Protein backbone atom coordinates (compact mmCIF):
# COMPACT_ATOMS: atom_id res chain seq x y z
CA MET A 1 44.26 73.76 88.14
CA SER A 2 43.66 71.79 84.93
CA PHE A 3 45.02 68.77 83.17
CA SER A 4 44.24 66.95 79.94
CA THR A 5 44.59 63.38 78.73
CA GLU A 6 44.70 61.98 75.23
CA SER A 7 43.80 58.52 73.99
CA ARG A 8 44.56 57.26 70.49
CA LEU A 9 42.66 54.38 68.85
CA THR A 10 44.16 52.86 65.73
CA ARG A 11 42.44 50.30 63.49
CA THR A 12 44.27 48.60 60.63
CA ALA A 13 42.36 46.77 57.86
CA ALA A 14 43.56 43.62 56.10
CA GLY A 15 44.65 45.68 53.12
CA THR A 16 46.85 48.68 53.05
CA SER A 17 44.41 51.29 54.40
CA THR A 18 44.81 52.62 57.94
CA SER A 19 42.35 54.79 59.85
CA THR A 20 43.18 56.76 63.00
CA ARG A 21 40.77 58.38 65.43
CA THR A 22 42.00 60.80 68.06
CA THR A 23 39.88 61.63 71.10
CA THR A 24 40.81 64.39 73.53
CA VAL A 25 39.20 64.59 76.93
CA THR A 26 39.76 67.69 79.06
CA ARG A 27 38.79 67.98 82.68
CA TYR A 28 38.93 71.07 84.87
CA ASP A 29 39.54 71.08 88.56
CA ARG A 30 39.66 73.94 91.01
CA THR A 31 41.60 73.92 94.21
CA HIS A 32 39.64 75.24 97.14
CA ARG A 33 41.57 76.84 99.97
CA GLY A 34 40.26 77.58 103.37
CA PRO A 35 40.37 81.11 104.79
CA VAL A 36 43.40 80.38 107.03
CA ARG A 37 45.39 78.73 104.28
CA GLY A 38 44.56 81.54 101.84
CA ALA A 39 45.63 84.16 104.37
CA VAL A 40 48.94 82.40 104.97
CA PHE A 41 49.55 82.20 101.23
CA GLY A 42 48.79 85.89 100.82
CA VAL A 43 51.07 86.86 103.68
CA ARG A 44 53.93 84.83 102.22
CA ARG A 45 53.50 86.41 98.80
CA ALA A 46 53.35 89.88 100.29
CA ALA A 47 56.49 89.16 102.33
CA ARG A 48 58.36 88.04 99.21
CA ASN A 49 57.30 91.14 97.30
CA THR A 50 58.21 93.37 100.22
CA GLY A 51 61.62 91.71 100.49
CA ARG A 52 62.32 92.24 96.80
CA ALA A 53 61.28 95.88 97.03
CA ALA A 54 63.40 96.41 100.15
CA ARG A 55 66.47 94.88 98.51
CA ALA A 56 65.94 97.04 95.45
CA VAL A 57 65.63 100.18 97.61
CA VAL A 58 68.71 99.29 99.64
CA GLY A 59 70.69 98.65 96.46
CA TRP A 60 69.57 101.96 94.97
CA VAL A 61 70.45 103.84 98.16
CA ARG A 62 73.92 102.23 98.33
CA GLU A 63 74.62 103.12 94.69
CA THR A 64 73.14 106.64 94.78
CA VAL A 65 73.64 108.11 98.26
CA THR A 66 77.21 108.87 99.29
CA ALA A 67 78.56 108.87 102.82
CA ALA A 68 77.90 112.62 103.03
CA GLY A 69 74.38 112.02 101.77
CA MET A 70 73.79 109.42 104.45
CA LEU A 71 74.95 111.91 107.07
CA VAL A 72 72.54 114.55 105.74
CA ALA A 73 69.68 112.02 105.70
CA VAL A 74 70.42 110.98 109.29
CA ALA A 75 70.52 114.64 110.33
CA CYS A 76 67.13 115.15 108.69
CA VAL A 77 65.57 112.16 110.48
CA LEU A 78 67.11 113.05 113.85
CA GLY A 79 66.05 116.70 113.46
CA ILE A 80 62.45 115.75 112.75
CA THR A 81 62.43 113.26 115.64
CA ALA A 82 63.89 115.76 118.12
CA GLY A 83 61.52 118.46 116.92
CA LEU A 84 58.48 116.25 117.44
CA LEU A 85 59.57 114.89 120.81
CA PHE A 86 61.09 117.96 122.43
CA GLY A 87 59.82 120.82 120.29
CA TRP A 88 63.31 122.19 119.63
CA VAL A 89 63.37 124.91 117.03
CA GLU A 90 67.01 124.19 116.30
CA ALA A 91 66.16 120.56 115.48
CA TRP A 92 63.48 121.67 113.03
CA ALA A 93 65.99 124.03 111.42
CA VAL A 94 68.55 121.25 111.01
CA ALA A 95 65.90 118.96 109.51
CA ALA A 96 64.73 121.68 107.11
CA ILE A 97 68.24 122.47 105.93
CA ALA A 98 69.02 118.77 105.41
CA LEU A 99 65.77 118.22 103.53
CA VAL A 100 66.43 121.23 101.28
CA LEU A 101 69.89 119.93 100.49
CA LEU A 102 68.56 116.48 99.58
CA VAL A 103 65.79 117.89 97.39
CA ALA A 104 68.13 120.35 95.68
CA CYS A 105 70.58 117.58 94.77
CA VAL A 106 68.01 115.26 93.20
CA PRO A 107 67.82 117.04 89.77
CA PHE A 108 71.53 116.45 89.22
CA ILE A 109 71.02 112.68 88.97
CA LEU A 110 67.69 112.55 87.14
CA GLY A 111 67.48 111.32 83.58
CA ALA A 112 69.62 108.96 81.55
CA HIS A 113 72.48 110.16 79.38
CA ASP A 114 73.91 108.51 76.30
CA TYR A 115 77.69 108.55 76.61
CA ARG A 116 80.33 106.96 74.45
CA ILE A 117 83.71 106.50 76.08
CA ASP A 118 86.83 105.39 74.21
CA LEU A 119 90.24 104.79 75.78
CA ALA A 120 93.08 104.34 73.30
CA LEU A 121 96.46 103.19 74.61
CA ASP A 122 99.66 104.12 72.81
CA ARG A 123 100.96 100.57 73.31
CA ASP A 124 100.08 97.51 75.31
CA ARG A 125 103.64 96.24 75.95
CA VAL A 126 106.35 98.23 77.68
CA VAL A 127 109.55 97.65 79.64
CA ALA A 128 109.48 98.18 83.38
CA GLY A 129 110.13 101.81 84.27
CA ALA A 130 108.45 103.25 81.16
CA GLU A 131 105.21 105.20 80.78
CA ILE A 132 102.18 104.56 78.58
CA GLY A 133 100.23 107.39 77.02
CA ALA A 134 96.45 107.06 76.75
CA THR A 135 93.76 109.17 75.09
CA LEU A 136 90.34 109.33 76.76
CA ASP A 137 87.48 110.50 74.56
CA VAL A 138 84.01 111.10 76.07
CA ARG A 139 81.18 111.95 73.67
CA ASN A 140 77.60 112.95 74.44
CA ASN A 141 75.53 110.99 71.93
CA GLY A 142 72.23 112.10 73.45
CA THR A 143 69.93 114.94 72.50
CA ARG A 144 70.10 116.65 75.89
CA LEU A 145 72.73 118.59 77.72
CA SER A 146 74.90 116.35 79.94
CA LEU A 147 76.09 117.63 83.27
CA PRO A 148 79.74 117.50 84.37
CA GLY A 149 81.03 114.19 85.65
CA ILE A 150 84.11 112.21 86.58
CA VAL A 151 85.45 109.23 84.64
CA ASP A 152 87.20 106.69 86.89
CA VAL A 153 89.76 104.53 85.09
CA PRO A 154 91.09 101.67 87.27
CA VAL A 155 94.76 101.05 86.46
CA GLY A 156 95.94 97.93 88.24
CA GLU A 157 95.44 98.63 91.93
CA GLY A 158 95.33 102.40 91.36
CA LEU A 159 92.75 104.78 89.96
CA VAL A 160 93.01 107.58 87.41
CA GLU A 161 90.32 110.28 87.44
CA ALA A 162 89.38 112.45 84.49
CA HIS A 163 86.97 115.37 84.92
CA VAL A 164 84.43 115.77 82.13
CA PRO A 165 82.90 119.25 81.68
CA LEU A 166 79.38 120.17 80.61
CA LEU A 167 78.76 118.62 77.18
CA ARG A 168 76.24 119.76 74.59
CA PRO A 169 74.52 117.16 72.38
CA GLY A 170 77.09 115.69 70.01
CA ALA A 171 80.03 117.35 71.76
CA HIS A 172 82.99 115.42 73.11
CA HIS A 173 85.83 115.92 75.57
CA ARG A 174 89.30 114.54 74.99
CA GLU A 175 91.96 114.20 77.65
CA GLN A 176 95.50 112.81 77.66
CA LEU A 177 96.38 110.39 80.45
CA THR A 178 99.69 108.91 81.54
CA ILE A 179 99.99 105.41 83.00
CA ALA A 180 103.22 104.68 84.85
CA ALA A 181 104.61 101.14 84.62
CA HIS A 182 107.25 101.19 87.32
CA ARG A 183 107.53 97.44 87.89
CA ARG A 184 107.24 94.27 85.85
CA GLY A 185 103.80 92.69 85.76
CA VAL A 186 100.41 92.78 84.09
CA ILE A 187 98.26 95.91 84.41
CA ASP A 188 94.52 95.73 83.77
CA VAL A 189 92.99 99.02 82.66
CA GLY A 190 89.25 99.15 83.34
CA PRO A 191 86.35 98.68 83.66
CA MET A 192 85.68 102.42 83.43
CA THR A 193 82.83 104.24 85.18
CA ILE A 194 81.47 107.74 84.71
CA THR A 195 79.96 109.36 87.78
CA ARG A 196 77.46 112.20 87.76
CA GLY A 197 76.52 113.94 90.97
CA ASP A 198 75.68 117.18 92.68
CA PRO A 199 78.32 119.80 93.49
CA ILE A 200 78.10 119.04 97.20
CA GLY A 201 78.71 115.29 96.81
CA ILE A 202 75.51 114.03 98.43
CA LEU A 203 74.03 112.03 95.55
CA ARG A 204 75.69 110.31 92.60
CA ARG A 205 74.88 108.12 89.62
CA GLU A 206 77.29 105.76 87.90
CA MET A 207 77.47 104.19 84.46
CA ARG A 208 79.90 101.33 83.88
CA TRP A 209 81.73 100.11 80.77
CA PRO A 210 82.89 96.49 81.22
CA ASP A 211 85.76 96.58 78.71
CA VAL A 212 89.18 95.82 80.20
CA GLN A 213 92.48 96.38 78.39
CA ARG A 214 95.67 94.59 79.47
CA ILE A 215 99.20 95.98 79.51
CA HIS A 216 102.20 93.64 79.76
CA VAL A 217 105.14 95.22 81.53
CA HIS A 218 108.21 93.27 80.45
CA PRO A 219 111.31 92.83 82.59
CA VAL A 220 114.42 94.85 81.85
CA THR A 221 116.77 92.78 79.68
CA VAL A 222 120.29 93.17 78.33
CA ARG A 223 121.71 92.14 75.01
CA LEU A 224 124.05 89.15 75.36
CA PRO A 225 126.80 87.95 73.01
CA SER A 226 125.16 85.56 70.57
CA THR A 227 127.80 82.89 71.00
CA SER A 228 127.42 82.96 74.77
CA ALA A 229 123.67 82.57 75.00
CA GLY A 230 124.07 78.85 75.57
CA LEU A 231 127.60 78.93 77.00
CA ILE A 232 128.63 76.91 73.99
CA ARG A 233 130.82 73.96 74.68
CA ASP A 234 128.65 71.88 72.37
CA LEU A 235 128.28 73.99 69.23
CA GLU A 236 125.46 73.25 66.84
CA GLY A 237 126.31 70.07 64.92
CA THR A 238 129.29 69.02 67.07
CA PRO A 239 129.23 65.20 67.50
CA SER A 240 128.83 63.73 70.97
CA THR A 241 129.71 60.32 72.40
CA THR A 242 126.14 59.08 72.05
CA LEU A 243 125.75 56.55 69.24
CA VAL A 244 122.64 56.59 67.07
CA ASP A 245 121.43 54.85 63.95
CA ALA A 246 121.03 57.97 61.82
CA ASP A 247 122.84 61.32 61.90
CA LEU A 248 125.61 63.21 60.09
CA SER A 249 128.84 62.10 61.79
CA PHE A 250 129.84 58.54 60.76
CA HIS A 251 131.30 56.42 63.55
CA ALA A 252 131.62 52.74 62.53
CA VAL A 253 129.78 49.76 61.09
CA ARG A 254 128.11 47.01 63.02
CA GLU A 255 126.13 43.87 62.35
CA TYR A 256 122.55 44.28 61.22
CA VAL A 257 119.79 43.75 63.78
CA VAL A 258 116.08 43.52 63.22
CA GLY A 259 114.58 46.98 62.84
CA ASP A 260 117.56 48.71 61.20
CA SER A 261 116.79 50.71 58.10
CA GLN A 262 118.06 49.29 54.83
CA ARG A 263 119.18 52.78 53.80
CA HIS A 264 122.13 52.48 56.22
CA VAL A 265 123.41 49.11 54.97
CA HIS A 266 127.16 49.23 54.26
CA TRP A 267 127.45 46.96 51.20
CA LYS A 268 131.27 46.85 51.01
CA SER A 269 131.54 45.59 54.61
CA THR A 270 128.70 43.19 53.92
CA ALA A 271 130.56 41.75 50.91
CA LYS A 272 133.79 41.33 52.91
CA THR A 273 132.30 39.73 56.00
CA GLY A 274 129.45 37.85 54.41
CA LYS A 275 127.10 39.33 56.98
CA LEU A 276 124.70 42.21 56.63
CA MET A 277 126.42 45.29 58.13
CA VAL A 278 124.98 48.77 58.77
CA ARG A 279 126.47 52.18 59.46
CA GLN A 280 126.47 53.69 62.96
CA TYR A 281 126.70 57.42 63.68
CA GLU A 282 127.59 59.79 66.50
CA GLU A 283 124.70 61.98 67.59
CA SER A 284 125.18 65.64 66.74
CA ARG A 285 124.63 67.70 69.87
CA HIS A 286 122.39 70.74 69.80
CA ALA A 287 122.29 73.52 72.37
CA ARG A 288 119.00 72.83 74.14
CA ILE A 289 118.98 75.42 76.88
CA ALA A 290 116.97 75.07 80.08
CA ILE A 291 116.27 78.20 82.12
CA ILE A 292 115.15 77.08 85.60
CA LEU A 293 114.03 80.02 87.75
CA ASP A 294 113.58 79.80 91.52
CA LEU A 295 110.30 81.39 92.70
CA ASP A 296 110.69 80.68 96.41
CA THR A 297 110.57 83.93 98.39
CA GLU A 298 112.95 82.47 100.97
CA SER A 299 115.74 82.47 98.38
CA TYR A 300 115.72 86.25 97.92
CA GLU A 301 116.78 89.11 100.12
CA SER A 302 114.37 91.63 98.60
CA ASP A 303 111.92 92.20 95.76
CA ASP A 304 114.59 94.05 93.79
CA GLU A 305 116.84 91.00 94.00
CA PHE A 306 114.05 88.82 92.63
CA GLU A 307 113.42 91.28 89.79
CA ASN A 308 117.13 91.25 88.95
CA THR A 309 117.03 87.44 88.77
CA VAL A 310 113.96 87.47 86.52
CA SER A 311 115.68 89.99 84.23
CA ALA A 312 118.76 87.77 84.00
CA ALA A 313 116.64 84.71 83.21
CA ALA A 314 114.66 86.62 80.58
CA SER A 315 117.89 87.93 79.00
CA LEU A 316 119.34 84.42 78.70
CA ALA A 317 116.14 82.96 77.28
CA LEU A 318 115.56 85.88 74.92
CA GLN A 319 119.04 85.66 73.44
CA GLY A 320 118.64 81.92 72.97
CA VAL A 321 115.36 82.46 71.11
CA ARG A 322 116.95 85.12 68.92
CA ASP A 323 119.79 82.73 68.06
CA GLY A 324 117.27 80.10 67.00
CA ARG A 325 118.09 77.64 69.77
CA ASP A 326 115.74 75.33 71.62
CA VAL A 327 114.95 77.13 74.88
CA LEU A 328 113.00 75.70 77.81
CA PHE A 329 111.94 78.16 80.52
CA SER A 330 110.52 76.36 83.57
CA VAL A 331 109.30 77.56 86.94
CA SER A 332 107.35 75.99 89.76
CA ASN A 333 103.58 76.14 89.86
CA GLU A 334 102.07 77.31 93.11
CA ILE A 335 101.17 74.29 95.22
CA PRO A 336 97.97 74.26 97.34
CA GLU A 337 98.62 74.31 101.06
CA GLN A 338 96.77 71.07 101.76
CA SER A 339 98.80 69.08 99.21
CA ARG A 340 102.11 70.89 99.30
CA ALA A 341 104.14 67.79 100.13
CA GLU A 342 102.41 65.56 97.60
CA VAL A 343 101.97 67.55 94.39
CA LEU A 344 104.87 68.28 92.02
CA SER A 345 104.06 70.69 89.24
CA ILE A 346 106.13 72.91 86.96
CA ARG A 347 105.11 75.55 84.48
CA THR A 348 106.89 76.07 81.18
CA LEU A 349 106.79 79.48 79.56
CA PRO A 350 106.26 79.79 75.79
CA THR A 351 109.50 80.47 73.96
CA VAL A 352 108.34 80.36 70.35
CA THR A 353 108.80 84.10 69.81
CA PRO A 354 110.43 86.88 71.87
CA LYS A 355 107.02 88.53 72.27
CA ALA A 356 105.41 85.42 73.74
CA LEU A 357 108.39 84.86 76.02
CA LEU A 358 108.40 88.39 77.43
CA ASP A 359 104.61 88.36 77.89
CA ALA A 360 104.92 85.18 79.93
CA THR A 361 107.72 86.57 82.09
CA SER A 362 105.41 89.45 83.01
CA THR A 363 103.18 86.99 84.88
CA ILE A 364 105.91 85.46 87.08
CA ASP A 365 105.68 86.17 90.81
CA ALA A 366 107.56 84.90 93.82
CA ALA A 367 105.49 82.88 96.29
CA ASP A 368 105.78 80.91 99.50
CA ARG A 369 103.95 77.77 98.39
CA VAL A 370 106.17 76.62 95.53
CA MET A 371 108.53 73.71 94.97
CA ARG A 372 112.16 74.01 95.92
CA LEU A 373 114.69 74.59 93.16
CA GLU A 374 116.00 71.04 93.48
CA ALA A 375 112.55 69.57 92.80
CA VAL A 376 111.98 71.90 89.84
CA ALA A 377 115.32 70.88 88.33
CA ALA A 378 114.58 67.18 88.82
CA LEU A 379 111.09 67.42 87.29
CA THR A 380 112.42 69.49 84.38
CA ALA A 381 115.09 66.89 83.64
CA GLN A 382 112.51 64.08 83.78
CA SER A 383 110.09 65.90 81.49
CA TYR A 384 112.73 67.06 78.98
CA PRO A 385 115.62 64.56 78.98
CA ASP A 386 117.38 65.93 75.86
CA LEU A 387 118.85 69.04 77.50
CA SER A 388 122.44 70.11 77.02
CA ILE A 389 122.76 73.22 79.23
CA GLY A 390 120.86 74.12 82.38
CA PHE A 391 120.82 77.56 84.03
CA LEU A 392 119.75 77.61 87.68
CA LEU A 393 118.77 81.16 88.65
CA THR A 394 118.16 82.09 92.28
CA GLY A 395 118.86 84.68 94.98
CA SER A 396 121.55 85.37 97.54
CA ARG A 397 119.88 83.35 100.31
CA MET A 398 120.22 80.10 98.39
CA PRO A 399 123.05 78.02 99.96
CA LEU A 400 125.70 76.66 97.63
CA GLU A 401 125.07 73.16 98.93
CA ARG A 402 121.49 73.27 97.72
CA LEU A 403 122.67 74.56 94.34
CA ARG A 404 124.96 71.54 94.04
CA HIS A 405 122.05 69.23 94.89
CA ALA A 406 119.95 70.92 92.21
CA ALA A 407 122.76 70.48 89.68
CA VAL A 408 123.02 66.78 90.55
CA LYS A 409 119.35 66.38 89.62
CA LEU A 410 120.24 67.19 86.02
CA PRO A 411 121.71 64.45 83.80
CA ALA A 412 125.47 64.07 83.86
CA ALA A 413 125.77 65.23 80.24
CA VAL A 414 124.07 68.54 81.01
CA GLU A 415 126.31 71.54 81.68
CA ALA A 416 124.93 73.14 84.88
CA VAL A 417 125.39 76.86 85.51
CA ALA A 418 124.06 78.63 88.60
CA VAL A 419 123.37 82.37 88.60
CA ARG A 420 122.94 83.92 92.06
CA SER A 421 121.78 87.52 92.32
CA GLU A 422 123.53 89.50 95.06
CA LEU A 423 122.82 93.16 94.46
CA GLY A 424 125.82 95.41 94.92
CA GLU A 425 128.38 92.59 95.03
CA GLN A 426 131.33 92.22 92.69
CA PRO A 427 130.69 89.77 89.82
CA THR A 428 132.57 86.53 90.44
CA MET A 429 132.82 83.09 88.90
CA ARG A 430 133.45 79.87 90.83
CA THR A 431 133.67 76.45 89.27
CA ALA A 432 132.84 73.33 91.24
CA ARG A 433 132.73 69.74 90.13
CA GLU A 434 128.97 69.73 89.62
CA LEU A 435 128.40 73.24 88.31
CA ALA A 436 129.74 76.73 87.71
CA VAL A 437 128.43 79.48 90.03
CA MET A 438 128.12 83.06 88.81
CA THR A 439 127.53 85.89 91.31
CA LEU A 440 125.54 88.67 89.66
CA GLY A 441 125.81 92.04 91.39
CA ALA A 442 123.84 93.88 88.70
CA LEU A 443 122.11 92.96 85.48
CA GLY A 444 124.71 94.83 83.45
CA ASP A 445 127.41 92.41 84.64
CA LEU A 446 125.84 89.47 82.78
CA PRO A 447 127.09 90.27 79.23
CA GLN A 448 130.65 90.85 80.38
CA MET A 449 130.79 87.64 82.38
CA LEU A 450 129.47 85.59 79.50
CA ALA A 451 131.76 87.31 77.01
CA ARG A 452 134.82 86.17 78.92
CA GLY A 453 134.21 82.62 77.80
CA ALA A 454 135.30 81.34 81.18
CA LEU A 455 132.99 78.38 80.99
CA ARG A 456 134.06 77.07 77.61
């Protein structure tokens, strides 16, 4: 053990010259341990090293020896033990056979191989029910012969296996894969692993590639009539009853108040009355569409009913985006169990482009710990007060009384439309004082119901 100290002495003359002298003093000290203390220290260090080595061995065994290999190793140990204790010839035979199998399988995993694996997807965005083609290319970049192996490609919760044959140096193997996207969602492809092992399946060796590719499976949508995307009662530019200081539709003149712009001064009225008068306008209404989707699992009879509701919501929002309207797509965030009654949180999906909208709808899932539709509608109206039309989309288990309560949460000037999915039912339309209720038996019924113009 050693330490050093430094001391600096500085002397300044009356003039401008300065001299500095640095002195360094170093002292050495040695720590003396007694025999007991030294032994304890040595034992602790040996125990740490042994623990590290044991963990490394256990990790290697878990990664290299398969379940069949463990069975063979146990048979070898038990055979040797029984042979030594009881002198059984059969036990020695079992131990010998197991040992020969283990030794014979070791060469298959020795040595490192230089692989290059590429997985090229045909596309990374598909509609639910489609298939994605993929090309797997495995190349041996090493200078030695590589033994056959298996490439495992995790696809979502499933696994795709590709068998790689014996590859010479510089050779490659190409295989076509098919990934099925039956349902809406996000599929992660990877990370891939290549496994080399013996023909019996006793020992194995894996190499992992951490790259993960993501596939967005969009919901099925239908094309809607462009004039019905917002259920237009308030066409773009149509004046409303709200009075504003600046717009396109002239309403009247009024007396000037502090803060009014001088650009809107009506000079003829000012000359007649002798008071400063300004113009007043009617606000031009714009179709600002709100898509409010219910994520509560209690509102739906089945998963297919929920998927049908998501498809209807995506169709309405997508047509609104294509028509250049302001679209707000809001759903409930999942609420933690401990603060379910206290936290109110909504999530708005991006609606800038159709691609961003459909990617976001791929991530929507029904859950138990979410806000009720009434709370989502109320929070949406508070956060975005300039809405003109609100779609409330839910399942067949949602009572009509609750739908009316959700519609009441929206401002009085907002046209409320409820869309209830009831698979297999006849499409119907019911109009109440607070809202209009559409029963959607299938996604294909939505364009026809909107084309009728029943809600104009």
